[in-house]
Protein backbone atom coordinates (compact mmCIF):
# COMPACT_ATOMS: atom_id res chain seq x y z
CA MET A 1 70.96 117.95 45.14
CA ASP A 2 73.06 115.72 47.37
CA THR A 3 75.61 118.51 47.69
CA ILE A 4 72.89 120.95 48.68
CA LYS A 5 71.50 118.48 51.24
CA LYS A 6 74.92 118.01 52.82
CA TYR A 7 75.48 121.75 52.92
CA LEU A 8 72.06 122.26 54.52
CA GLU A 9 72.90 119.64 57.18
CA SER A 10 76.14 121.45 57.98
CA MET A 11 74.21 124.73 58.37
CA PHE A 12 71.85 123.25 60.97
CA GLU A 13 74.13 120.75 62.73
CA HIS A 14 74.88 123.11 65.64
CA LEU A 15 71.26 124.09 66.24
CA PRO A 16 68.96 122.36 68.75
CA LYS A 17 66.60 119.82 67.17
CA THR A 18 63.37 121.59 68.10
CA LEU A 19 60.17 121.65 66.02
CA GLU A 20 60.80 125.30 65.19
CA VAL A 21 64.28 124.57 63.84
CA MET A 22 63.24 121.47 61.90
CA ARG A 23 60.34 123.37 60.32
CA ALA A 24 62.72 126.14 59.24
CA LYS A 25 65.14 123.55 57.87
CA ASP A 26 62.42 121.96 55.73
CA GLU A 27 61.29 125.37 54.51
CA LEU A 28 64.83 126.37 53.54
CA TYR A 29 65.40 123.07 51.74
CA SER A 30 62.19 123.58 49.76
CA MET A 31 63.38 127.07 48.78
CA MET A 32 66.81 125.77 47.74
CA GLU A 33 65.25 122.92 45.75
CA ASP A 34 62.90 125.25 43.89
CA LYS A 35 65.76 127.60 43.04
CA TYR A 36 67.94 124.71 41.89
CA ASN A 37 65.23 123.30 39.61
CA GLU A 38 64.56 126.78 38.23
CA LEU A 39 68.24 127.25 37.37
CA ILE A 40 68.48 123.82 35.74
CA SER A 41 65.38 124.56 33.63
CA GLU A 42 67.09 127.76 32.48
CA GLY A 43 69.96 125.69 31.12
CA LYS A 44 72.48 126.14 33.94
CA LYS A 45 74.95 123.33 34.56
CA GLU A 46 74.57 121.35 37.78
CA ASN A 47 77.72 122.70 39.46
CA GLU A 48 76.85 126.26 38.45
CA ALA A 49 73.30 125.88 39.78
CA ILE A 50 74.55 124.46 43.08
CA GLY A 51 76.99 127.37 43.48
CA ILE A 52 74.25 129.94 42.88
CA VAL A 53 71.86 128.23 45.33
CA ILE A 54 74.50 128.07 48.07
CA SER A 55 75.57 131.68 47.53
CA GLU A 56 71.95 132.84 47.73
CA PHE A 57 70.72 130.67 50.59
CA GLY A 58 73.95 129.65 52.29
CA ASN A 59 74.11 132.33 54.99
CA LEU A 60 71.81 131.36 57.85
CA ASP A 61 72.35 134.67 59.68
CA GLU A 62 70.86 136.58 56.74
CA LEU A 63 67.91 134.20 56.44
CA ALA A 64 67.24 133.82 60.17
CA GLU A 65 64.55 136.50 60.43
CA GLY A 66 62.57 135.19 57.46
CA LEU A 67 62.79 131.62 58.77
CA GLY A 68 61.88 132.62 62.32
CA LEU A 69 65.26 131.57 63.73
CA SER A 70 66.50 134.92 65.05
CA LYS A 71 65.79 134.05 68.68
CA VAL A 72 67.28 130.57 68.31
CA LEU A 73 70.54 131.95 66.90
CA ASP A 74 70.70 134.67 69.55
CA ASP A 75 70.21 132.10 72.30
CA LEU A 76 72.88 129.89 70.75
CA VAL A 77 75.43 132.70 70.69
CA SER A 78 74.75 133.61 74.31
CA SER A 79 74.71 129.99 75.44
CA ASP A 80 77.64 128.36 77.21
CA ARG A 81 77.05 125.06 75.42
CA ARG A 82 80.16 123.50 73.94
CA TYR A 83 80.06 121.71 70.61
CA VAL A 84 81.88 118.35 70.55
CA SER A 85 83.02 117.43 67.05
CA ARG A 86 83.27 113.92 65.66
CA GLN A 87 87.06 114.01 65.93
CA GLU A 88 86.84 115.06 69.57
CA ALA A 89 84.35 112.26 70.18
CA ASP A 90 86.80 109.74 68.72
CA ASP A 91 89.62 111.18 70.82
CA TYR A 92 87.47 110.94 73.95
CA VAL A 93 86.63 107.29 73.26
CA ASP A 94 90.33 106.53 72.78
CA ALA A 95 91.16 108.31 76.04
CA VAL A 96 88.53 106.36 77.97
CA VAL A 97 89.74 103.07 76.48
CA SER A 98 93.34 103.95 77.42
CA ARG A 99 92.25 104.88 80.92
CA ARG A 100 90.34 101.63 81.33
CA PHE A 101 93.34 99.66 80.02
CA MET A 102 95.68 101.26 82.56
CA LEU A 103 93.15 100.69 85.33
CA SER A 104 92.67 97.04 84.32
CA LEU A 105 96.42 96.48 84.11
CA GLY A 106 96.89 97.96 87.58
CA ILE A 107 94.22 95.67 89.01
CA LEU A 108 95.79 92.67 87.22
CA LEU A 109 99.17 93.37 88.82
CA CYS A 110 97.62 93.78 92.29
CA ILE A 111 95.85 90.41 92.03
CA LEU A 112 98.92 88.76 90.51
CA SER A 113 101.30 90.03 93.21
CA PRO A 114 100.78 87.11 95.68
CA ALA A 115 101.53 84.54 92.95
CA GLY A 116 105.27 85.27 93.15
CA PRO A 117 105.72 84.64 96.89
CA ILE A 118 103.56 81.51 96.76
CA LEU A 119 105.44 79.92 93.87
CA LEU A 120 108.93 80.99 94.93
CA ASP A 121 108.36 80.07 98.57
CA SER A 122 107.46 76.52 97.52
CA ILE A 123 110.67 76.44 95.44
CA ALA A 124 112.66 77.69 98.44
CA THR A 125 111.15 74.97 100.61
CA ALA A 126 111.98 72.28 98.05
CA THR A 127 115.53 73.47 97.35
CA GLY A 128 116.43 74.90 100.75
CA LEU A 129 117.46 78.22 99.18
CA ASN A 130 115.89 81.09 101.14
CA LEU A 131 116.89 83.47 98.36
CA PHE A 132 113.75 82.47 96.48
CA THR A 133 111.60 83.56 99.43
CA GLY A 134 113.16 87.01 99.37
CA ILE A 135 112.68 87.30 95.62
CA GLY A 136 109.04 86.30 96.04
CA VAL A 137 108.41 89.01 98.65
CA ALA A 138 110.15 91.57 96.46
CA PHE A 139 107.96 90.48 93.53
CA LEU A 140 104.82 90.97 95.66
CA PHE A 141 105.67 94.54 96.66
CA LEU A 142 106.95 95.46 93.19
CA CYS A 143 103.77 94.22 91.49
CA ALA A 144 101.59 95.94 94.07
CA ALA A 145 103.52 99.21 93.75
CA VAL A 146 103.40 99.24 89.94
CA GLY A 147 99.74 98.20 89.98
CA VAL A 148 98.77 101.01 92.35
CA GLY A 149 100.77 103.41 90.18
CA PHE A 150 98.82 102.37 87.09
CA ILE A 151 95.50 102.75 88.91
CA VAL A 152 96.37 106.25 90.16
CA PHE A 153 97.78 107.31 86.78
CA SER A 154 94.66 106.11 84.95
CA ASN A 155 92.65 108.91 86.59
CA TYR A 156 94.76 111.54 84.87
CA ILE A 157 94.34 110.23 81.32
CA THR A 158 90.85 111.73 80.94
CA LYS A 159 91.46 114.89 83.00
CA SER A 160 91.38 117.05 79.86
CA TRP A 161 87.84 115.82 79.22
CA SER A 162 86.44 116.94 82.56
CA PHE A 163 84.50 119.69 80.77
CA LEU A 164 82.02 117.02 79.65
CA ASN A 165 80.86 116.81 83.26
CA LYS A 166 81.26 120.47 84.17
CA GLN A 167 79.45 122.26 81.33
CA PRO A 168 76.63 121.55 78.86
CA CYS A 169 77.94 119.95 75.66
CA TYR A 170 76.27 118.64 72.54
CA ILE A 171 76.99 116.69 69.36
CA ASP A 172 75.42 116.86 65.90
CA ASP A 173 73.20 114.26 64.21
CA GLU A 174 75.99 112.89 62.05
CA THR A 175 78.16 112.23 65.11
CA ILE A 176 75.22 110.64 66.91
CA ASP A 177 74.61 108.22 64.03
CA TYR A 178 78.33 107.45 63.86
CA LEU A 179 78.59 106.75 67.60
CA LYS A 180 75.50 104.55 67.57
CA SER A 181 76.95 102.55 64.69
CA GLU A 182 80.31 102.17 66.46
CA LYS A 183 78.57 101.17 69.69
CA GLU A 184 76.62 98.45 67.93
CA GLU A 185 79.76 97.11 66.24
CA CYS A 186 81.67 96.80 69.50
CA GLN A 187 78.90 95.02 71.42
CA THR A 188 79.94 91.54 70.30
CA GLY A 189 83.59 92.09 71.15
CA ASN A 190 82.77 93.57 74.56
CA GLY A 191 80.43 90.68 75.31
CA MET A 192 83.12 88.20 74.37
CA LEU A 193 85.68 89.85 76.65
CA LEU A 194 83.21 89.90 79.52
CA ALA A 195 82.22 86.26 79.02
CA VAL A 196 85.84 85.06 78.84
CA GLY A 197 86.75 87.14 81.90
CA ILE A 198 83.95 85.64 84.00
CA MET A 199 84.83 82.16 82.74
CA LEU A 200 88.49 82.57 83.78
CA CYS A 201 87.50 83.75 87.25
CA ILE A 202 85.26 80.71 87.68
CA VAL A 203 87.77 78.14 86.42
CA SER A 204 90.72 79.72 88.25
CA VAL A 205 90.26 77.31 91.17
CA ILE A 206 90.54 74.23 88.92
CA PRO A 207 94.39 74.15 88.82
CA VAL A 208 94.52 74.07 92.63
CA ILE A 209 91.98 71.24 92.86
CA VAL A 210 93.37 69.14 89.99
CA LEU A 211 97.08 69.51 90.76
CA ASP A 212 96.56 68.89 94.47
CA ALA A 213 94.57 65.73 93.79
CA ALA A 214 96.61 64.37 90.87
CA LEU A 215 100.16 65.12 92.04
CA ASN A 216 101.54 64.65 95.50
CA VAL A 217 104.48 66.99 94.84
CA PRO A 218 104.59 69.99 97.23
CA ILE A 219 106.16 72.36 94.72
CA ILE A 220 103.28 71.61 92.30
CA SER A 221 100.34 71.44 94.68
CA ASP A 222 101.47 74.25 96.99
CA GLY A 223 103.24 76.47 94.47
CA VAL A 224 102.22 76.03 90.83
CA GLY A 225 98.52 75.40 91.49
CA PRO A 226 97.84 78.50 93.64
CA SER A 227 100.01 80.73 91.44
CA MET A 228 98.04 79.58 88.38
CA MET A 229 94.83 80.40 90.23
CA PHE A 230 95.98 83.99 90.82
CA THR A 231 97.15 84.31 87.22
CA LEU A 232 93.82 83.14 85.77
CA ALA A 233 91.85 85.32 88.18
CA ALA A 234 94.02 88.36 87.37
CA VAL A 235 93.53 87.94 83.62
CA GLY A 236 89.80 87.32 84.11
CA VAL A 237 89.29 90.49 86.15
CA PHE A 238 91.39 92.42 83.64
CA LEU A 239 89.01 91.37 80.85
CA ILE A 240 85.90 92.09 82.93
CA VAL A 241 86.98 95.62 83.84
CA PHE A 242 88.40 96.44 80.40
CA SER A 243 85.37 95.14 78.48
CA SER A 244 83.04 97.98 79.48
CA GLY A 245 85.38 100.92 78.76
CA ARG A 246 84.46 101.65 75.15
CA ASN A 247 80.73 101.15 75.72
CA LYS A 248 80.83 103.55 78.68
CA ALA A 249 82.46 106.22 76.50
CA TYR A 250 79.77 105.87 73.82
CA LYS A 251 76.98 106.10 76.40
CA LYS A 252 78.52 109.25 77.86
CA LEU A 253 78.75 110.97 74.48
CA LEU A 254 75.27 109.91 73.37
CA SER A 255 73.79 111.34 76.58
CA LEU A 256 75.23 114.84 76.03
CA ASN A 257 72.36 116.24 73.95
CA LYS A 258 69.77 114.85 76.33
CA LYS A 259 71.41 116.65 79.25
CA VAL A 260 71.75 119.93 77.34
CA PHE A 261 68.15 120.14 76.17
CA ALA A 262 66.88 118.84 79.51
CA ARG A 263 68.67 121.69 81.26
CA GLU A 264 67.12 124.19 78.87
CA ILE A 265 63.64 122.82 79.56
CA LEU A 266 64.42 122.82 83.27
CA GLN A 267 65.43 126.46 83.10
CA GLN A 268 62.17 127.33 81.37
CA PHE A 269 60.23 125.69 84.19
CA ALA A 270 62.44 127.27 86.83
CA ASP A 271 61.80 130.74 85.39
CA ALA A 272 58.04 130.15 85.29
CA PRO A 273 55.73 130.89 88.25
CA ASP A 274 56.19 128.35 91.00
CA ASN A 275 53.54 125.62 91.22
CA GLY A 276 55.06 123.63 94.04
CA PRO A 277 55.24 119.82 93.80
CA GLU A 278 53.02 119.88 90.68
CA LYS A 279 55.85 121.68 88.88
CA SER A 280 58.34 118.89 89.53
CA VAL A 281 55.88 116.35 88.12
CA LYS A 282 55.72 118.31 84.84
CA ILE A 283 59.50 118.46 84.69
CA GLU A 284 59.74 114.73 85.23
CA ARG A 285 57.35 114.05 82.36
CA VAL A 286 59.27 116.29 79.97
CA THR A 287 62.89 115.70 80.91
CA GLY A 288 63.11 112.53 82.99
CA GLU A 289 64.36 111.64 86.45
CA VAL A 290 67.85 113.14 86.13
CA VAL A 291 66.60 116.66 85.54
CA GLU A 292 63.92 116.32 88.17
CA SER A 293 66.53 115.46 90.77
CA ASP A 294 68.70 118.37 89.58
CA TYR A 295 65.72 120.68 89.90
CA LYS A 296 64.95 119.47 93.39
CA ASP A 297 68.57 119.93 94.41
CA ALA A 298 68.57 123.49 93.07
CA SER A 299 65.10 124.71 93.98
CA TYR A 300 63.69 122.57 96.74
CA SER A 301 66.63 122.61 99.12
CA SER A 302 64.79 125.22 101.17
CA TYR A 303 61.30 123.84 100.52
CA ASP A 304 59.26 122.98 103.57
CA LYS A 305 61.34 120.14 104.99
CA PRO A 306 62.10 119.24 108.56
CA GLU A 307 65.46 120.62 109.61
CA GLN A 308 68.18 118.04 109.82
CA SER A 309 71.40 118.35 111.70
CA SER A 310 74.32 118.62 109.29
CA ASP A 311 76.50 116.98 111.93
CA SER A 312 74.33 113.88 112.25
CA THR A 313 76.18 110.58 112.17
CA GLU A 314 73.87 109.18 109.53
CA LYS A 315 74.60 112.04 107.13
CA LYS A 316 78.34 111.74 107.66
CA VAL A 317 78.21 108.02 106.94
CA LYS A 318 76.22 108.58 103.73
CA ASN A 319 78.63 111.28 102.55
CA PHE A 320 81.59 109.02 103.31
CA ILE A 321 80.03 106.16 101.34
CA LYS A 322 79.36 108.47 98.37
CA VAL A 323 82.99 109.60 98.33
CA MET A 324 84.14 105.98 98.46
CA VAL A 325 81.83 105.02 95.59
CA LYS A 326 83.00 107.93 93.43
CA ASP A 327 86.58 106.60 93.69
CA TYR A 328 85.30 103.06 93.28
CA TRP A 329 88.41 101.17 92.18
CA LYS A 330 90.66 102.99 94.63
CA SER A 331 88.28 101.96 97.41
CA VAL A 332 88.29 98.34 96.20
CA LEU A 333 92.09 98.39 96.08
CA CYS A 334 92.32 99.70 99.65
CA ILE A 335 89.91 97.03 100.91
CA TYR A 336 91.82 94.34 99.02
CA ILE A 337 95.23 95.36 100.40
CA ILE A 338 94.03 95.87 103.98
CA TRP A 339 92.07 92.62 104.03
CA SER A 340 94.90 90.61 102.45
CA PHE A 341 97.73 91.96 104.60
CA PHE A 342 95.89 91.71 107.91
CA THR A 343 94.36 88.27 107.32
CA PHE A 344 97.05 87.00 104.91
CA SER A 345 94.23 85.27 103.03
CA TRP A 346 95.75 85.79 99.59
CA GLY A 347 94.24 82.51 98.49
CA SER A 348 90.71 83.89 98.75
CA SER A 349 90.92 87.69 98.92
CA TRP A 350 91.26 88.01 95.13
CA VAL A 351 87.54 87.18 94.91
CA ILE A 352 86.86 90.83 95.78
CA TRP A 353 87.86 91.92 92.24
CA PRO A 354 85.37 89.94 90.14
CA LEU A 355 82.67 90.68 92.72
CA ALA A 356 83.53 94.39 92.60
CA ALA A 357 83.38 94.40 88.80
CA ILE A 358 79.95 92.74 88.80
CA LEU A 359 78.49 94.89 91.61
CA ARG A 360 79.92 98.22 90.45
CA LYS A 361 76.96 99.37 88.37
CA PRO A 362 74.20 98.61 90.93
CA ILE A 363 76.29 100.15 93.74
CA GLU A 364 76.87 103.37 91.78
CA GLN A 365 73.21 103.58 90.75
CA TYR A 366 72.07 103.09 94.35
CA PHE A 367 74.39 105.60 96.00
CA LEU A 368 74.95 108.09 93.16
CA GLY A 369 71.71 107.76 91.23
CA GLY A 370 73.58 106.64 88.10
CA LYS A 371 75.23 110.07 87.64
CA HIS A 372 78.80 109.00 88.14
């Protein structure tokens, strides 16, 4: 019977998990079980009985009318929903992790870039060789250039997965259980990376304080100490940013079915007679805030609202902020470079990275409603 159960699951894995479908699934399983037991009582071998049951009940298209699934199958064929297999889910998680690694590495290099000039300039001062100063400046621009390159390139790693945001997609129950299990297993590791990253950012100032107080050697206090601070901060931010990549991928995949079925419910309400604001309340109760906001965007844009000037300064500012938040790390990088070069406060400007990592989620939820 385990073989029959697995085959039954494969027959229904692409169908929406509605009461109608689940009732039909239970009914079909009962029919298959009765037939299997009948064949066994007649003296058929287990494998032979399983083969007969599958050949008789294994075509869902032929059984759809009797099970009351004709409309469900017709809707599924005409739907633009895309099925995401378990292998594709794994590939997507790997792509997101790779993207986050490249992004984290780019940020690390940008934060680390001032460490070279600081250390080598102190060596140049101690030795009288200005060559070290030039090497330090070259190191700064090289690190910054490579870091920016990694950050820009990271956006292209998941380009092939843009369909997850552009069209309704769904995953089956087996994939859902698998992703939930994987998500639970990675929680401890992600938490450890985050904790170590925050710890390194906090203790990064210790080398400057200790070496400056303990040793009265300029090359140590003015060069080694500050360069160690940038190194610890860079590694800490790297761990903070990288730690959330895998978890973010799992959350994205596990939210696919919710979005698909929410859109279907939304469409049913949208096609029904209009009940004004009362209608949006019903949608919120059934599908949640995300769909309600989508519905308002689609259907209430022309609802009785005071006219607002599209050229208003306030609207332009809000749109600009939303664009900046969508390209969050690029915006942080621009602020970091502009602030550091104009103020030359490399000793403190690195603080923007751990702060940006901590504040990213609330900022995105506030300005983008958690949809990014």
